[in-house]
Amino acid sequence: MVYINIMLPFYKLHSLGNDFVLIDNPEAQPTEAQIKRMGDRHLGIGFDQLLVIRPLGDEHWQYRIFNQDGSEAGQCLNGARSVGLYLARTKQLERVILHAPSEQIEVDMRQLPNIEISVEWPVQTQTMHEGWFYELGNPHWIIDLTKQKWSRALIQKYYEQHAVNVSGIYRHHENEISLCTYERGVGFTNACGSASVASFCALYEHKLCSSNLTIFQKGGITQLYKKDHKVCSQSQAHWVYSGHVESGQQIFHQCTGTQNRYHGFKEIL
């Protein structure tokens, strides 16, 4: 049976191919099951993260982040960039402060589609011979691939043992790197904003880059620089489309009295 509560507006946006569904509704309290259904790329809308925002007054907004698997994240910087684009386009704002579960994020939208975000310089919590660990609301292992080969086994070693986001970096030269991230609760992503910040901080603190860094990811380019005690990150965000979803909608349908007899094949990968 399908239960329909209300037609809920949503907005699809992305930053470097890191894609989001945004809901601007102070009453929205999505359940884990609803998030999973909406996030399914075949049977739902599809996204890397679901973003839920509500105004706090002046230019301050609360900002919650949910992964595809329904878990809540503490931080998402490309998501913050996409929220900034939404607020610039719909509320005509030029600067906002987003209150994420882990910290505040300053967002500057004066040069669209380029959007700059600023966060406090994160603290490195652990160093290992393969790389560095940083906490930015989400935990990140940054692995220097001049010392390790990028492989599924390497990702699983860190992801399964520590439940962290795992990123590999290739250093082209002092001020340019390539970055690939396996994100907790999502999988491989086209880009990851907090992984970019963690990578820059790791390289800068270990004197492997200057105070400016260009990062190449599958989805595009991010420019980062140090400003006092903050990290500033510049990249683009884009509006994809908007629509409505039925709150409480059951997306998976099954014929009455019929069971799915599909016998799952062993996964190859």
C-alpha atoms as a PDB file:
ATOM      1  CA  MET A   1       0.000   0.000   0.000  1.00  0.00           C
ATOM      2  CA  VAL A   2       1.215   3.538  -0.780  1.00  0.00           C
ATOM      3  CA  TYR A   3       0.780   6.259   1.830  1.00  0.00           C
ATOM      4  CA  ILE A   4       0.968   9.889   0.659  1.00  0.00           C
ATOM      5  CA  ASN A   5       1.464  12.644   3.218  1.00  0.00           C
ATOM      6  CA  ILE A   6       2.475  15.800   1.318  1.00  0.00           C
ATOM      7  CA  MET A   7       4.285  16.771  -1.864  1.00  0.00           C
ATOM      8  CA  LEU A   8       7.741  17.778  -0.654  1.00  0.00           C
ATOM      9  CA  PRO A   9       9.866  20.072  -2.888  1.00  0.00           C
ATOM     10  CA  PHE A  10      13.462  19.017  -3.471  1.00  0.00           C
ATOM     11  CA  TYR A  11      16.416  20.433  -5.387  1.00  0.00           C
ATOM     12  CA  LYS A  12      19.169  18.497  -7.166  1.00  0.00           C
ATOM     13  CA  LEU A  13      22.612  20.151  -7.184  1.00  0.00           C
ATOM     14  CA  HIS A  14      26.220  19.089  -7.546  1.00  0.00           C
ATOM     15  CA  SER A  15      29.744  20.292  -6.895  1.00  0.00           C
ATOM     16  CA  LEU A  16      32.335  18.572  -9.090  1.00  0.00           C
ATOM     17  CA  GLY A  17      29.938  15.690  -9.712  1.00  0.00           C
ATOM     18  CA  ASN A  18      29.468  15.137  -5.966  1.00  0.00           C
ATOM     19  CA  ASP A  19      25.657  15.216  -6.161  1.00  0.00           C
ATOM     20  CA  PHE A  20      23.041  16.168  -3.613  1.00  0.00           C
ATOM     21  CA  VAL A  21      19.333  16.388  -3.020  1.00  0.00           C
ATOM     22  CA  LEU A  22      18.485  19.422  -0.897  1.00  0.00           C
ATOM     23  CA  ILE A  23      15.315  19.858   1.165  1.00  0.00           C
ATOM     24  CA  ASP A  24      14.556  23.346   2.491  1.00  0.00           C
ATOM     25  CA  ASN A  25      11.941  22.554   5.116  1.00  0.00           C
ATOM     26  CA  PRO A  26      12.311  23.119   8.888  1.00  0.00           C
ATOM     27  CA  GLU A  27       9.824  20.310   9.576  1.00  0.00           C
ATOM     28  CA  ALA A  28      11.634  17.676   7.491  1.00  0.00           C
ATOM     29  CA  GLN A  29      12.704  14.670   9.580  1.00  0.00           C
ATOM     30  CA  PRO A  30      13.546  11.953   7.026  1.00  0.00           C
ATOM     31  CA  THR A  31      13.759   8.400   8.318  1.00  0.00           C
ATOM     32  CA  GLU A  32      16.582   6.032   7.416  1.00  0.00           C
ATOM     33  CA  ALA A  33      14.216   4.063   5.163  1.00  0.00           C
ATOM     34  CA  GLN A  34      13.070   7.215   3.341  1.00  0.00           C
ATOM     35  CA  ILE A  35      16.658   8.349   2.794  1.00  0.00           C
ATOM     36  CA  LYS A  36      17.639   4.969   1.365  1.00  0.00           C
ATOM     37  CA  ARG A  37      14.666   4.995  -1.016  1.00  0.00           C
ATOM     38  CA  MET A  38      15.316   8.541  -2.215  1.00  0.00           C
ATOM     39  CA  GLY A  39      19.039   7.853  -2.596  1.00  0.00           C
ATOM     40  CA  ASP A  40      18.577   4.772  -4.789  1.00  0.00           C
ATOM     41  CA  ARG A  41      19.817   5.763  -8.262  1.00  0.00           C
ATOM     42  CA  HIS A  42      17.573   3.224 -10.019  1.00  0.00           C
ATOM     43  CA  LEU A  43      14.339   3.404  -8.022  1.00  0.00           C
ATOM     44  CA  GLY A  44      14.574   6.819  -6.374  1.00  0.00           C
ATOM     45  CA  ILE A  45      16.109  10.215  -7.137  1.00  0.00           C
ATOM     46  CA  GLY A  46      19.724   9.281  -6.440  1.00  0.00           C
ATOM     47  CA  PHE A  47      22.401  11.251  -4.600  1.00  0.00           C
ATOM     48  CA  ASP A  48      25.667  11.005  -2.709  1.00  0.00           C
ATOM     49  CA  GLN A  49      24.129  12.896   0.225  1.00  0.00           C
ATOM     50  CA  LEU A  50      20.763  14.301   1.261  1.00  0.00           C
ATOM     51  CA  LEU A  51      20.996  17.849   2.660  1.00  0.00           C
ATOM     52  CA  VAL A  52      18.333  19.296   4.962  1.00  0.00           C
ATOM     53  CA  ILE A  53      18.492  22.998   5.856  1.00  0.00           C
ATOM     54  CA  ARG A  54      16.524  25.450   7.975  1.00  0.00           C
ATOM     55  CA  PRO A  55      17.038  29.157   8.769  1.00  0.00           C
ATOM     56  CA  LEU A  56      18.468  30.213  12.131  1.00  0.00           C
ATOM     57  CA  GLY A  57      18.252  33.967  11.584  1.00  0.00           C
ATOM     58  CA  ASP A  58      20.102  36.589   9.549  1.00  0.00           C
ATOM     59  CA  GLU A  59      22.562  34.696   7.316  1.00  0.00           C
ATOM     60  CA  HIS A  60      22.885  31.650   9.567  1.00  0.00           C
ATOM     61  CA  TRP A  61      21.450  28.273   8.517  1.00  0.00           C
ATOM     62  CA  GLN A  62      21.359  24.855  10.119  1.00  0.00           C
ATOM     63  CA  TYR A  63      22.733  22.168   7.832  1.00  0.00           C
ATOM     64  CA  ARG A  64      22.277  18.390   8.228  1.00  0.00           C
ATOM     65  CA  ILE A  65      23.860  15.748   5.997  1.00  0.00           C
ATOM     66  CA  PHE A  66      22.661  12.185   5.386  1.00  0.00           C
ATOM     67  CA  ASN A  67      24.523   9.521   3.403  1.00  0.00           C
ATOM     68  CA  GLN A  68      22.941   7.115   0.907  1.00  0.00           C
ATOM     69  CA  ASP A  69      22.792   4.410   3.580  1.00  0.00           C
ATOM     70  CA  GLY A  70      20.743   6.641   5.898  1.00  0.00           C
ATOM     71  CA  SER A  71      23.570   7.452   8.316  1.00  0.00           C
ATOM     72  CA  GLU A  72      24.114  11.075   9.330  1.00  0.00           C
ATOM     73  CA  ALA A  73      27.446  12.751   8.547  1.00  0.00           C
ATOM     74  CA  GLY A  74      29.113  15.507  10.525  1.00  0.00           C
ATOM     75  CA  GLN A  75      30.453  17.415   7.551  1.00  0.00           C
ATOM     76  CA  CYS A  76      30.295  17.760   3.762  1.00  0.00           C
ATOM     77  CA  LEU A  77      32.089  20.692   2.175  1.00  0.00           C
ATOM     78  CA  ASN A  78      30.927  20.142  -1.412  1.00  0.00           C
ATOM     79  CA  GLY A  79      27.446  19.919   0.051  1.00  0.00           C
ATOM     80  CA  ALA A  80      28.031  23.271   1.757  1.00  0.00           C
ATOM     81  CA  ARG A  81      29.019  24.707  -1.616  1.00  0.00           C
ATOM     82  CA  SER A  82      25.768  23.407  -3.114  1.00  0.00           C
ATOM     83  CA  VAL A  83      23.727  24.857  -0.242  1.00  0.00           C
ATOM     84  CA  GLY A  84      25.428  28.185  -0.919  1.00  0.00           C
ATOM     85  CA  LEU A  85      24.379  28.032  -4.576  1.00  0.00           C
ATOM     86  CA  TYR A  86      20.793  27.236  -3.586  1.00  0.00           C
ATOM     87  CA  LEU A  87      20.634  30.158  -1.130  1.00  0.00           C
ATOM     88  CA  ALA A  88      22.190  32.546  -3.647  1.00  0.00           C
ATOM     89  CA  ARG A  89      19.685  31.551  -6.311  1.00  0.00           C
ATOM     90  CA  THR A  90      16.521  31.384  -4.195  1.00  0.00           C
ATOM     91  CA  LYS A  91      17.180  33.876  -1.364  1.00  0.00           C
ATOM     92  CA  GLN A  92      19.588  36.263  -3.178  1.00  0.00           C
ATOM     93  CA  LEU A  93      22.202  35.837  -0.436  1.00  0.00           C
ATOM     94  CA  GLU A  94      25.897  36.484  -1.083  1.00  0.00           C
ATOM     95  CA  ARG A  95      27.426  35.072   2.098  1.00  0.00           C
ATOM     96  CA  VAL A  96      26.131  32.611   4.674  1.00  0.00           C
ATOM     97  CA  ILE A  97      27.321  30.692   7.707  1.00  0.00           C
ATOM     98  CA  LEU A  98      26.224  27.067   7.798  1.00  0.00           C
ATOM     99  CA  HIS A  99      25.954  25.306  11.147  1.00  0.00           C
ATOM    100  CA  ALA A 100      26.857  21.680  10.446  1.00  0.00           C
ATOM    101  CA  PRO A 101      26.831  19.068  13.238  1.00  0.00           C
ATOM    102  CA  SER A 102      30.617  19.335  13.595  1.00  0.00           C
ATOM    103  CA  GLU A 103      31.444  22.998  12.938  1.00  0.00           C
ATOM    104  CA  GLN A 104      30.528  26.260  11.232  1.00  0.00           C
ATOM    105  CA  ILE A 105      31.291  26.775   7.551  1.00  0.00           C
ATOM    106  CA  GLU A 106      31.622  30.197   5.930  1.00  0.00           C
ATOM    107  CA  VAL A 107      30.327  30.234   2.352  1.00  0.00           C
ATOM    108  CA  ASP A 108      31.001  33.072  -0.119  1.00  0.00           C
ATOM    109  CA  MET A 109      28.788  33.051  -3.253  1.00  0.00           C
ATOM    110  CA  ARG A 110      29.736  36.416  -4.789  1.00  0.00           C
ATOM    111  CA  GLN A 111      31.467  34.928  -7.853  1.00  0.00           C
ATOM    112  CA  LEU A 112      29.078  32.216  -9.060  1.00  0.00           C
ATOM    113  CA  PRO A 113      29.455  29.492 -10.199  1.00  0.00           C
ATOM    114  CA  ASN A 114      32.716  29.650  -8.199  1.00  0.00           C
ATOM    115  CA  ILE A 115      32.030  29.354  -4.482  1.00  0.00           C
ATOM    116  CA  GLU A 116      34.572  29.693  -1.681  1.00  0.00           C
ATOM    117  CA  ILE A 117      34.177  27.918   1.639  1.00  0.00           C
ATOM    118  CA  SER A 118      36.277  28.518   4.753  1.00  0.00           C
ATOM    119  CA  VAL A 119      36.710  26.232   7.760  1.00  0.00           C
ATOM    120  CA  GLU A 120      38.955  26.145  10.800  1.00  0.00           C
ATOM    121  CA  TRP A 121      42.311  24.445  10.248  1.00  0.00           C
ATOM    122  CA  PRO A 122      41.768  20.802  11.323  1.00  0.00           C
ATOM    123  CA  VAL A 123      43.917  18.966  13.840  1.00  0.00           C
ATOM    124  CA  GLN A 124      45.898  15.926  12.732  1.00  0.00           C
ATOM    125  CA  THR A 125      45.167  13.149  15.206  1.00  0.00           C
ATOM    126  CA  GLN A 126      47.409  10.338  13.984  1.00  0.00           C
ATOM    127  CA  THR A 127      50.333   9.662  11.646  1.00  0.00           C
ATOM    128  CA  MET A 128      51.307   6.345  10.148  1.00  0.00           C
ATOM    129  CA  HIS A 129      53.942   5.462   7.673  1.00  0.00           C
ATOM    130  CA  GLU A 130      51.335   5.106   4.918  1.00  0.00           C
ATOM    131  CA  GLY A 131      49.709   8.468   5.541  1.00  0.00           C
ATOM    132  CA  TRP A 132      47.855  10.803   7.883  1.00  0.00           C
ATOM    133  CA  PHE A 133      44.573  10.904   9.790  1.00  0.00           C
ATOM    134  CA  TYR A 134      42.469  14.077  10.094  1.00  0.00           C
ATOM    135  CA  GLU A 135      39.096  14.745  11.694  1.00  0.00           C
ATOM    136  CA  LEU A 136      36.881  17.312   9.953  1.00  0.00           C
ATOM    137  CA  GLY A 137      33.554  16.206  11.346  1.00  0.00           C
ATOM    138  CA  ASN A 138      34.173  13.127   9.203  1.00  0.00           C
ATOM    139  CA  PRO A 139      37.324  11.027   9.748  1.00  0.00           C
ATOM    140  CA  HIS A 140      39.796  10.920   6.847  1.00  0.00           C
ATOM    141  CA  TRP A 141      42.792   8.712   6.133  1.00  0.00           C
ATOM    142  CA  ILE A 142      45.029  10.411   3.556  1.00  0.00           C
ATOM    143  CA  ILE A 143      47.399   7.945   1.894  1.00  0.00           C
ATOM    144  CA  ASP A 144      50.446   9.109  -0.051  1.00  0.00           C
ATOM    145  CA  LEU A 145      50.542   6.896  -3.140  1.00  0.00           C
ATOM    146  CA  THR A 146      54.239   7.516  -3.676  1.00  0.00           C
ATOM    147  CA  LYS A 147      54.587   4.981  -0.837  1.00  0.00           C
ATOM    148  CA  GLN A 148      51.609   2.677  -1.451  1.00  0.00           C
ATOM    149  CA  LYS A 149      49.805   1.162  -4.424  1.00  0.00           C
ATOM    150  CA  TRP A 150      46.138   2.221  -4.669  1.00  0.00           C
ATOM    151  CA  SER A 151      44.124  -0.978  -4.395  1.00  0.00           C
ATOM    152  CA  ARG A 152      40.858  -2.362  -3.077  1.00  0.00           C
ATOM    153  CA  ALA A 153      42.786  -4.233  -0.387  1.00  0.00           C
ATOM    154  CA  LEU A 154      44.381  -0.982   0.810  1.00  0.00           C
ATOM    155  CA  ILE A 155      40.989   0.753   0.946  1.00  0.00           C
ATOM    156  CA  GLN A 156      39.406  -2.135   2.835  1.00  0.00           C
ATOM    157  CA  LYS A 157      42.285  -2.189   5.315  1.00  0.00           C
ATOM    158  CA  TYR A 158      41.477   1.321   6.509  1.00  0.00           C
ATOM    159  CA  TYR A 159      37.750   1.478   5.805  1.00  0.00           C
ATOM    160  CA  GLU A 160      36.852  -1.796   7.507  1.00  0.00           C
ATOM    161  CA  GLN A 161      39.242  -1.459  10.456  1.00  0.00           C
ATOM    162  CA  HIS A 162      38.613   2.208  11.212  1.00  0.00           C
ATOM    163  CA  ALA A 163      35.281   3.085   9.458  1.00  0.00           C
ATOM    164  CA  VAL A 164      36.828   6.177   7.863  1.00  0.00           C
ATOM    165  CA  ASN A 165      36.865   7.952   4.516  1.00  0.00           C
ATOM    166  CA  VAL A 166      39.922   6.757   2.604  1.00  0.00           C
ATOM    167  CA  SER A 167      41.719   8.989   0.091  1.00  0.00           C
ATOM    168  CA  GLY A 168      44.739   8.360  -2.099  1.00  0.00           C
ATOM    169  CA  ILE A 169      46.859  11.227  -3.414  1.00  0.00           C
ATOM    170  CA  TYR A 170      49.363  11.387  -6.267  1.00  0.00           C
ATOM    171  CA  ARG A 171      51.798  14.288  -6.020  1.00  0.00           C
ATOM    172  CA  HIS A 172      52.502  15.728  -9.477  1.00  0.00           C
ATOM    173  CA  HIS A 173      54.718  18.454  -8.053  1.00  0.00           C
ATOM    174  CA  GLU A 174      54.789  20.816  -5.089  1.00  0.00           C
ATOM    175  CA  ASN A 175      51.510  22.609  -5.796  1.00  0.00           C
ATOM    176  CA  GLU A 176      49.449  20.032  -7.734  1.00  0.00           C
ATOM    177  CA  ILE A 177      48.033  16.649  -6.724  1.00  0.00           C
ATOM    178  CA  SER A 178      45.390  14.173  -7.883  1.00  0.00           C
ATOM    179  CA  LEU A 179      42.923  12.818  -5.324  1.00  0.00           C
ATOM    180  CA  CYS A 180      40.576   9.817  -5.230  1.00  0.00           C
ATOM    181  CA  THR A 181      38.226   9.162  -2.282  1.00  0.00           C
ATOM    182  CA  TYR A 182      36.236   6.192  -1.026  1.00  0.00           C
ATOM    183  CA  GLU A 183      33.610   7.844   1.136  1.00  0.00           C
ATOM    184  CA  ARG A 184      32.038   6.257   4.181  1.00  0.00           C
ATOM    185  CA  GLY A 185      28.357   5.501   3.614  1.00  0.00           C
ATOM    186  CA  VAL A 186      28.616   6.254  -0.121  1.00  0.00           C
ATOM    187  CA  GLY A 187      31.550   4.534  -1.863  1.00  0.00           C
ATOM    188  CA  PHE A 188      33.745   6.079  -4.563  1.00  0.00           C
ATOM    189  CA  THR A 189      32.782   9.680  -5.301  1.00  0.00           C
ATOM    190  CA  ASN A 190      33.627  12.064  -8.131  1.00  0.00           C
ATOM    191  CA  ALA A 191      34.935  14.541  -5.565  1.00  0.00           C
ATOM    192  CA  CYS A 192      35.126  15.073  -1.813  1.00  0.00           C
ATOM    193  CA  GLY A 193      35.510  18.549  -0.343  1.00  0.00           C
ATOM    194  CA  SER A 194      36.600  17.550   3.157  1.00  0.00           C
ATOM    195  CA  ALA A 195      39.125  15.058   1.729  1.00  0.00           C
ATOM    196  CA  SER A 196      40.563  17.933  -0.324  1.00  0.00           C
ATOM    197  CA  VAL A 197      40.994  20.016   2.822  1.00  0.00           C
ATOM    198  CA  ALA A 198      42.516  17.114   4.770  1.00  0.00           C
ATOM    199  CA  SER A 199      44.958  16.401   1.913  1.00  0.00           C
ATOM    200  CA  PHE A 200      46.057  20.031   1.712  1.00  0.00           C
ATOM    201  CA  CYS A 201      46.557  20.271   5.481  1.00  0.00           C
ATOM    202  CA  ALA A 202      48.550  17.025   5.583  1.00  0.00           C
ATOM    203  CA  LEU A 203      50.890  18.092   2.782  1.00  0.00           C
ATOM    204  CA  TYR A 204      51.303  21.633   4.101  1.00  0.00           C
ATOM    205  CA  GLU A 205      52.043  20.555   7.676  1.00  0.00           C
ATOM    206  CA  HIS A 206      54.655  18.068   6.450  1.00  0.00           C
ATOM    207  CA  LYS A 207      56.255  20.691   4.168  1.00  0.00           C
ATOM    208  CA  LEU A 208      55.241  18.858   0.990  1.00  0.00           C
ATOM    209  CA  CYS A 209      53.386  21.827  -0.535  1.00  0.00           C
ATOM    210  CA  SER A 210      53.243  25.605  -0.209  1.00  0.00           C
ATOM    211  CA  SER A 211      50.306  27.632   1.135  1.00  0.00           C
ATOM    212  CA  ASN A 212      48.451  27.142  -2.169  1.00  0.00           C
ATOM    213  CA  LEU A 213      47.445  23.816  -3.728  1.00  0.00           C
ATOM    214  CA  THR A 214      45.527  22.707  -6.828  1.00  0.00           C
ATOM    215  CA  ILE A 215      43.704  19.384  -6.478  1.00  0.00           C
ATOM    216  CA  PHE A 216      42.476  17.380  -9.463  1.00  0.00           C
ATOM    217  CA  GLN A 217      39.611  14.942  -8.847  1.00  0.00           C
ATOM    218  CA  LYS A 218      37.482  12.934 -11.253  1.00  0.00           C
ATOM    219  CA  GLY A 219      34.767  15.602 -11.126  1.00  0.00           C
ATOM    220  CA  GLY A 220      36.997  18.658 -11.533  1.00  0.00           C
ATOM    221  CA  ILE A 221      39.451  21.055  -9.916  1.00  0.00           C
ATOM    222  CA  THR A 222      39.616  22.615  -6.448  1.00  0.00           C
ATOM    223  CA  GLN A 223      41.928  25.449  -5.398  1.00  0.00           C
ATOM    224  CA  LEU A 224      42.944  25.608  -1.729  1.00  0.00           C
ATOM    225  CA  TYR A 225      44.948  28.108   0.278  1.00  0.00           C
ATOM    226  CA  LYS A 226      45.783  28.922   3.892  1.00  0.00           C
ATOM    227  CA  LYS A 227      44.453  32.147   5.381  1.00  0.00           C
ATOM    228  CA  ASP A 228      45.464  32.772   8.990  1.00  0.00           C
ATOM    229  CA  HIS A 229      44.042  29.842  11.000  1.00  0.00           C
ATOM    230  CA  LYS A 230      41.600  28.783   8.282  1.00  0.00           C
ATOM    231  CA  VAL A 231      41.556  26.704   5.109  1.00  0.00           C
ATOM    232  CA  CYS A 232      39.841  28.252   2.088  1.00  0.00           C
ATOM    233  CA  SER A 233      38.580  26.068  -0.748  1.00  0.00           C
ATOM    234  CA  GLN A 234      37.389  27.367  -4.130  1.00  0.00           C
ATOM    235  CA  SER A 235      35.436  25.329  -6.662  1.00  0.00           C
ATOM    236  CA  GLN A 236      32.174  25.325  -8.611  1.00  0.00           C
ATOM    237  CA  ALA A 237      28.635  24.212  -7.813  1.00  0.00           C
ATOM    238  CA  HIS A 238      25.790  23.770 -10.291  1.00  0.00           C
ATOM    239  CA  TRP A 239      21.993  23.564 -10.232  1.00  0.00           C
ATOM    240  CA  VAL A 240      20.650  20.410 -11.925  1.00  0.00           C
ATOM    241  CA  TYR A 241      16.849  20.441 -11.481  1.00  0.00           C
ATOM    242  CA  SER A 242      14.025  20.701  -8.953  1.00  0.00           C
ATOM    243  CA  GLY A 243      10.949  18.576  -8.338  1.00  0.00           C
ATOM    244  CA  HIS A 244       8.570  17.134  -5.762  1.00  0.00           C
ATOM    245  CA  VAL A 245       8.601  13.829  -3.940  1.00  0.00           C
ATOM    246  CA  GLU A 246       5.693  12.370  -2.015  1.00  0.00           C
ATOM    247  CA  SER A 247       6.564  12.360   1.681  1.00  0.00           C
ATOM    248  CA  GLY A 248       5.959   8.836   2.924  1.00  0.00           C
ATOM    249  CA  GLN A 249       6.040   7.444  -0.615  1.00  0.00           C
ATOM    250  CA  GLN A 250       6.739   3.740  -0.966  1.00  0.00           C
ATOM    251  CA  ILE A 251       9.076   3.440  -3.947  1.00  0.00           C
ATOM    252  CA  PHE A 252       9.504  -0.329  -3.971  1.00  0.00           C
ATOM    253  CA  HIS A 253       6.334  -2.058  -5.201  1.00  0.00           C
ATOM    254  CA  GLN A 254       5.499  -5.731  -5.008  1.00  0.00           C
ATOM    255  CA  CYS A 255       2.472  -7.667  -6.290  1.00  0.00           C
ATOM    256  CA  THR A 256       0.149  -8.837  -3.524  1.00  0.00           C
ATOM    257  CA  GLY A 257       0.853 -12.399  -2.472  1.00  0.00           C
ATOM    258  CA  THR A 258       3.939 -12.715  -4.661  1.00  0.00           C
ATOM    259  CA  GLN A 259       7.451 -13.147  -3.290  1.00  0.00           C
ATOM    260  CA  ASN A 260      10.595 -12.245  -5.171  1.00  0.00           C
ATOM    261  CA  ARG A 261      12.338 -15.562  -5.838  1.00  0.00           C
ATOM    262  CA  TYR A 262      15.509 -13.987  -7.219  1.00  0.00           C
ATOM    263  CA  HIS A 263      18.527 -15.970  -5.998  1.00  0.00           C
ATOM    264  CA  GLY A 264      21.351 -13.443  -5.669  1.00  0.00           C
ATOM    265  CA  PHE A 265      24.548 -14.164  -7.577  1.00  0.00           C
ATOM    266  CA  LYS A 266      27.864 -13.973  -5.773  1.00  0.00           C
ATOM    267  CA  GLU A 267      29.250 -10.501  -6.236  1.00  0.00           C
ATOM    268  CA  ILE A 268      32.269 -10.453  -8.532  1.00  0.00           C
ATOM    269  CA  LEU A 269      33.738  -7.221  -7.166  1.00  0.00           C
END
